[in-house]
N, C-alpha and C. Protein backbone atom coordinates (compact mmCIF):
# COMPACT_ATOMS: atom_id res chain seq x y z
N MET A 1 0.82 -1.19 0.00
CA MET A 1 0.00 0.00 0.00
C MET A 1 0.86 1.25 0.00
N ALA A 2 1.93 1.25 0.79
CA ALA A 2 2.80 2.42 0.85
C ALA A 2 3.49 2.65 -0.49
N GLU A 3 3.81 1.58 -1.20
CA GLU A 3 4.46 1.73 -2.50
C GLU A 3 3.54 2.43 -3.50
N ASN A 4 2.26 2.11 -3.45
CA ASN A 4 1.30 2.74 -4.36
C ASN A 4 1.17 4.23 -4.08
N LEU A 5 1.20 4.61 -2.82
CA LEU A 5 1.08 6.03 -2.48
C LEU A 5 2.28 6.82 -2.95
N GLN A 6 3.45 6.21 -2.91
CA GLN A 6 4.65 6.92 -3.34
C GLN A 6 4.69 7.10 -4.85
N SER A 7 4.17 6.14 -5.60
CA SER A 7 4.25 6.22 -7.05
C SER A 7 3.18 7.14 -7.64
N VAL A 8 2.19 7.52 -6.86
CA VAL A 8 1.13 8.39 -7.38
C VAL A 8 1.68 9.75 -7.77
N GLY A 9 2.58 10.31 -6.98
CA GLY A 9 3.13 11.62 -7.26
C GLY A 9 4.28 11.60 -8.25
N CYS A 10 4.59 10.45 -8.80
CA CYS A 10 5.71 10.31 -9.72
C CYS A 10 5.43 11.08 -11.01
N LYS A 11 6.38 11.85 -11.44
CA LYS A 11 6.21 12.68 -12.62
C LYS A 11 7.12 12.17 -13.72
N GLN A 12 6.55 11.84 -14.88
CA GLN A 12 7.35 11.34 -15.98
C GLN A 12 7.92 12.50 -16.76
N GLN A 13 9.19 12.36 -17.15
CA GLN A 13 9.83 13.40 -17.93
C GLN A 13 9.86 12.97 -19.39
N TYR A 14 9.56 13.89 -20.27
CA TYR A 14 9.53 13.61 -21.70
C TYR A 14 10.65 14.37 -22.39
N SER A 15 11.29 13.72 -23.36
CA SER A 15 12.35 14.38 -24.11
C SER A 15 11.75 15.39 -25.09
N SER A 16 12.59 16.26 -25.59
CA SER A 16 12.10 17.25 -26.54
C SER A 16 11.62 16.58 -27.82
N GLN A 17 12.24 15.46 -28.19
CA GLN A 17 11.81 14.73 -29.38
C GLN A 17 10.39 14.20 -29.20
N THR A 18 10.08 13.66 -28.03
CA THR A 18 8.74 13.16 -27.75
C THR A 18 7.73 14.29 -27.78
N LYS A 19 8.10 15.42 -27.24
CA LYS A 19 7.20 16.58 -27.23
C LYS A 19 6.90 17.04 -28.65
N LEU A 20 7.93 17.10 -29.49
CA LEU A 20 7.73 17.56 -30.86
C LEU A 20 6.89 16.58 -31.66
N VAL A 21 7.08 15.28 -31.43
CA VAL A 21 6.26 14.28 -32.13
C VAL A 21 4.81 14.42 -31.71
N ALA A 22 4.56 14.62 -30.42
CA ALA A 22 3.18 14.79 -29.94
C ALA A 22 2.55 16.03 -30.56
N LEU A 23 3.31 17.10 -30.70
CA LEU A 23 2.78 18.32 -31.31
C LEU A 23 2.50 18.12 -32.80
N ARG A 24 3.32 17.32 -33.47
CA ARG A 24 3.07 17.03 -34.89
C ARG A 24 1.84 16.15 -35.06
N VAL A 25 1.66 15.20 -34.15
CA VAL A 25 0.45 14.36 -34.20
C VAL A 25 -0.77 15.24 -33.98
N ARG A 26 -0.64 16.25 -33.11
CA ARG A 26 -1.74 17.18 -32.87
C ARG A 26 -2.10 17.94 -34.15
N GLU A 27 -1.09 18.40 -34.86
CA GLU A 27 -1.34 19.09 -36.13
C GLU A 27 -2.03 18.17 -37.13
N TYR A 28 -1.61 16.91 -37.16
CA TYR A 28 -2.22 15.94 -38.07
C TYR A 28 -3.69 15.71 -37.71
N LEU A 29 -3.97 15.51 -36.42
CA LEU A 29 -5.35 15.32 -35.98
C LEU A 29 -6.19 16.56 -36.28
N ARG A 30 -5.60 17.73 -36.14
CA ARG A 30 -6.31 18.97 -36.45
C ARG A 30 -6.67 19.02 -37.94
N SER A 31 -5.77 18.54 -38.80
CA SER A 31 -6.07 18.54 -40.24
C SER A 31 -7.15 17.52 -40.59
N LEU A 32 -7.21 16.40 -39.84
CA LEU A 32 -8.24 15.40 -40.09
C LEU A 32 -9.61 15.83 -39.57
N HIS A 33 -9.62 16.50 -38.43
CA HIS A 33 -10.87 16.90 -37.76
C HIS A 33 -10.85 18.40 -37.46
N PRO A 34 -11.05 19.24 -38.47
CA PRO A 34 -10.95 20.68 -38.23
C PRO A 34 -12.07 21.25 -37.36
N LEU A 35 -13.16 20.52 -37.19
CA LEU A 35 -14.28 21.04 -36.42
C LEU A 35 -14.20 20.72 -34.92
N LEU A 36 -13.22 19.93 -34.50
CA LEU A 36 -13.09 19.61 -33.08
C LEU A 36 -12.62 20.84 -32.30
N ASN A 37 -13.18 21.04 -31.11
CA ASN A 37 -12.69 22.14 -30.28
C ASN A 37 -11.41 21.68 -29.57
N GLU A 38 -10.77 22.58 -28.85
CA GLU A 38 -9.48 22.29 -28.23
C GLU A 38 -9.54 21.13 -27.24
N GLY A 39 -10.59 21.09 -26.42
CA GLY A 39 -10.72 20.03 -25.43
C GLY A 39 -10.88 18.66 -26.06
N GLU A 40 -11.73 18.58 -27.08
CA GLU A 40 -11.93 17.31 -27.77
C GLU A 40 -10.66 16.87 -28.50
N LEU A 41 -9.96 17.83 -29.08
CA LEU A 41 -8.72 17.52 -29.77
C LEU A 41 -7.67 17.02 -28.79
N ASP A 42 -7.58 17.65 -27.62
CA ASP A 42 -6.63 17.21 -26.60
C ASP A 42 -6.95 15.80 -26.12
N ASN A 43 -8.24 15.49 -25.97
CA ASN A 43 -8.63 14.15 -25.54
C ASN A 43 -8.28 13.11 -26.60
N GLU A 44 -8.52 13.42 -27.87
CA GLU A 44 -8.16 12.51 -28.95
C GLU A 44 -6.65 12.30 -29.01
N LEU A 45 -5.90 13.37 -28.81
CA LEU A 45 -4.45 13.28 -28.83
C LEU A 45 -3.93 12.45 -27.67
N ALA A 46 -4.54 12.60 -26.51
CA ALA A 46 -4.13 11.81 -25.35
C ALA A 46 -4.36 10.32 -25.60
N VAL A 47 -5.47 9.99 -26.21
CA VAL A 47 -5.76 8.58 -26.53
C VAL A 47 -4.78 8.06 -27.58
N ALA A 48 -4.48 8.88 -28.58
CA ALA A 48 -3.61 8.45 -29.67
C ALA A 48 -2.16 8.27 -29.22
N THR A 49 -1.69 9.13 -28.32
CA THR A 49 -0.28 9.09 -27.94
C THR A 49 -0.01 8.39 -26.62
N GLY A 50 -1.02 8.29 -25.77
CA GLY A 50 -0.80 7.69 -24.45
C GLY A 50 -0.20 8.66 -23.46
N ILE A 51 -0.20 9.93 -23.78
CA ILE A 51 0.33 10.98 -22.91
C ILE A 51 -0.86 11.70 -22.30
N SER A 52 -0.77 12.07 -21.04
CA SER A 52 -1.90 12.69 -20.36
C SER A 52 -2.24 14.05 -20.97
N VAL A 53 -3.49 14.44 -20.80
CA VAL A 53 -3.97 15.71 -21.33
C VAL A 53 -3.19 16.86 -20.69
N ARG A 54 -2.93 16.76 -19.42
CA ARG A 54 -2.19 17.81 -18.71
C ARG A 54 -0.78 17.99 -19.30
N SER A 55 -0.10 16.89 -19.58
CA SER A 55 1.23 16.97 -20.18
C SER A 55 1.16 17.57 -21.58
N LEU A 56 0.15 17.19 -22.34
CA LEU A 56 0.01 17.73 -23.68
C LEU A 56 -0.26 19.23 -23.65
N GLN A 57 -1.02 19.68 -22.67
CA GLN A 57 -1.25 21.12 -22.53
C GLN A 57 0.05 21.84 -22.18
N ARG A 58 0.88 21.19 -21.36
CA ARG A 58 2.18 21.77 -21.02
C ARG A 58 3.06 21.85 -22.27
N PHE A 59 3.03 20.82 -23.13
CA PHE A 59 3.80 20.83 -24.38
C PHE A 59 3.36 21.99 -25.26
N LYS A 60 2.05 22.21 -25.37
CA LYS A 60 1.53 23.32 -26.18
C LYS A 60 2.03 24.66 -25.64
N ARG A 61 2.00 24.80 -24.32
CA ARG A 61 2.45 26.05 -23.70
C ARG A 61 3.94 26.27 -23.96
N GLU A 62 4.74 25.20 -23.86
CA GLU A 62 6.17 25.31 -24.13
C GLU A 62 6.42 25.68 -25.59
N ALA A 63 5.66 25.10 -26.50
CA ALA A 63 5.83 25.41 -27.93
C ALA A 63 5.45 26.86 -28.21
N LYS A 64 4.42 27.33 -27.53
CA LYS A 64 3.99 28.72 -27.70
C LYS A 64 5.08 29.69 -27.22
N ASP A 65 5.77 29.32 -26.14
CA ASP A 65 6.84 30.15 -25.60
C ASP A 65 8.19 29.88 -26.25
N ASN A 66 8.23 28.98 -27.24
CA ASN A 66 9.47 28.60 -27.93
C ASN A 66 10.54 28.07 -26.99
N CYS A 67 10.14 27.24 -26.06
CA CYS A 67 11.13 26.68 -25.13
C CYS A 67 10.93 25.18 -24.94
N VAL A 68 10.69 24.45 -26.04
CA VAL A 68 10.56 23.00 -25.96
C VAL A 68 11.97 22.43 -25.83
N SER A 69 12.25 21.81 -24.69
CA SER A 69 13.57 21.26 -24.46
C SER A 69 13.47 20.01 -23.61
N SER A 70 14.54 19.25 -23.61
CA SER A 70 14.60 18.05 -22.79
C SER A 70 14.91 18.44 -21.36
N PRO A 71 14.49 17.61 -20.40
CA PRO A 71 14.84 17.89 -19.01
C PRO A 71 16.33 17.66 -18.79
N PRO A 72 16.91 18.26 -17.78
CA PRO A 72 18.34 18.03 -17.52
C PRO A 72 18.58 16.57 -17.15
N SER A 73 19.72 16.04 -17.60
CA SER A 73 20.03 14.64 -17.30
C SER A 73 20.51 14.50 -15.87
N LYS A 74 20.16 13.38 -15.27
CA LYS A 74 20.59 13.10 -13.90
C LYS A 74 21.95 12.44 -13.95
N ARG A 75 22.83 12.83 -13.08
CA ARG A 75 24.17 12.23 -13.04
C ARG A 75 24.46 11.72 -11.68
């Protein structure tokens, strides 16, 4: 039980390559379904990529600010 509680707050880090691929998939889905609103598009993207909606929103914000980058490596 204690192990499950510790893993709940675990945050996955995504590389810049993964972020850019997710954003390209978003553009592709947008071209296929131009009438979807942002929320529906984010839900479809989350299902297609397996990345949470919250993370995808963070990727969009980073792309808007032109700061899509990989997290620092642990040594």
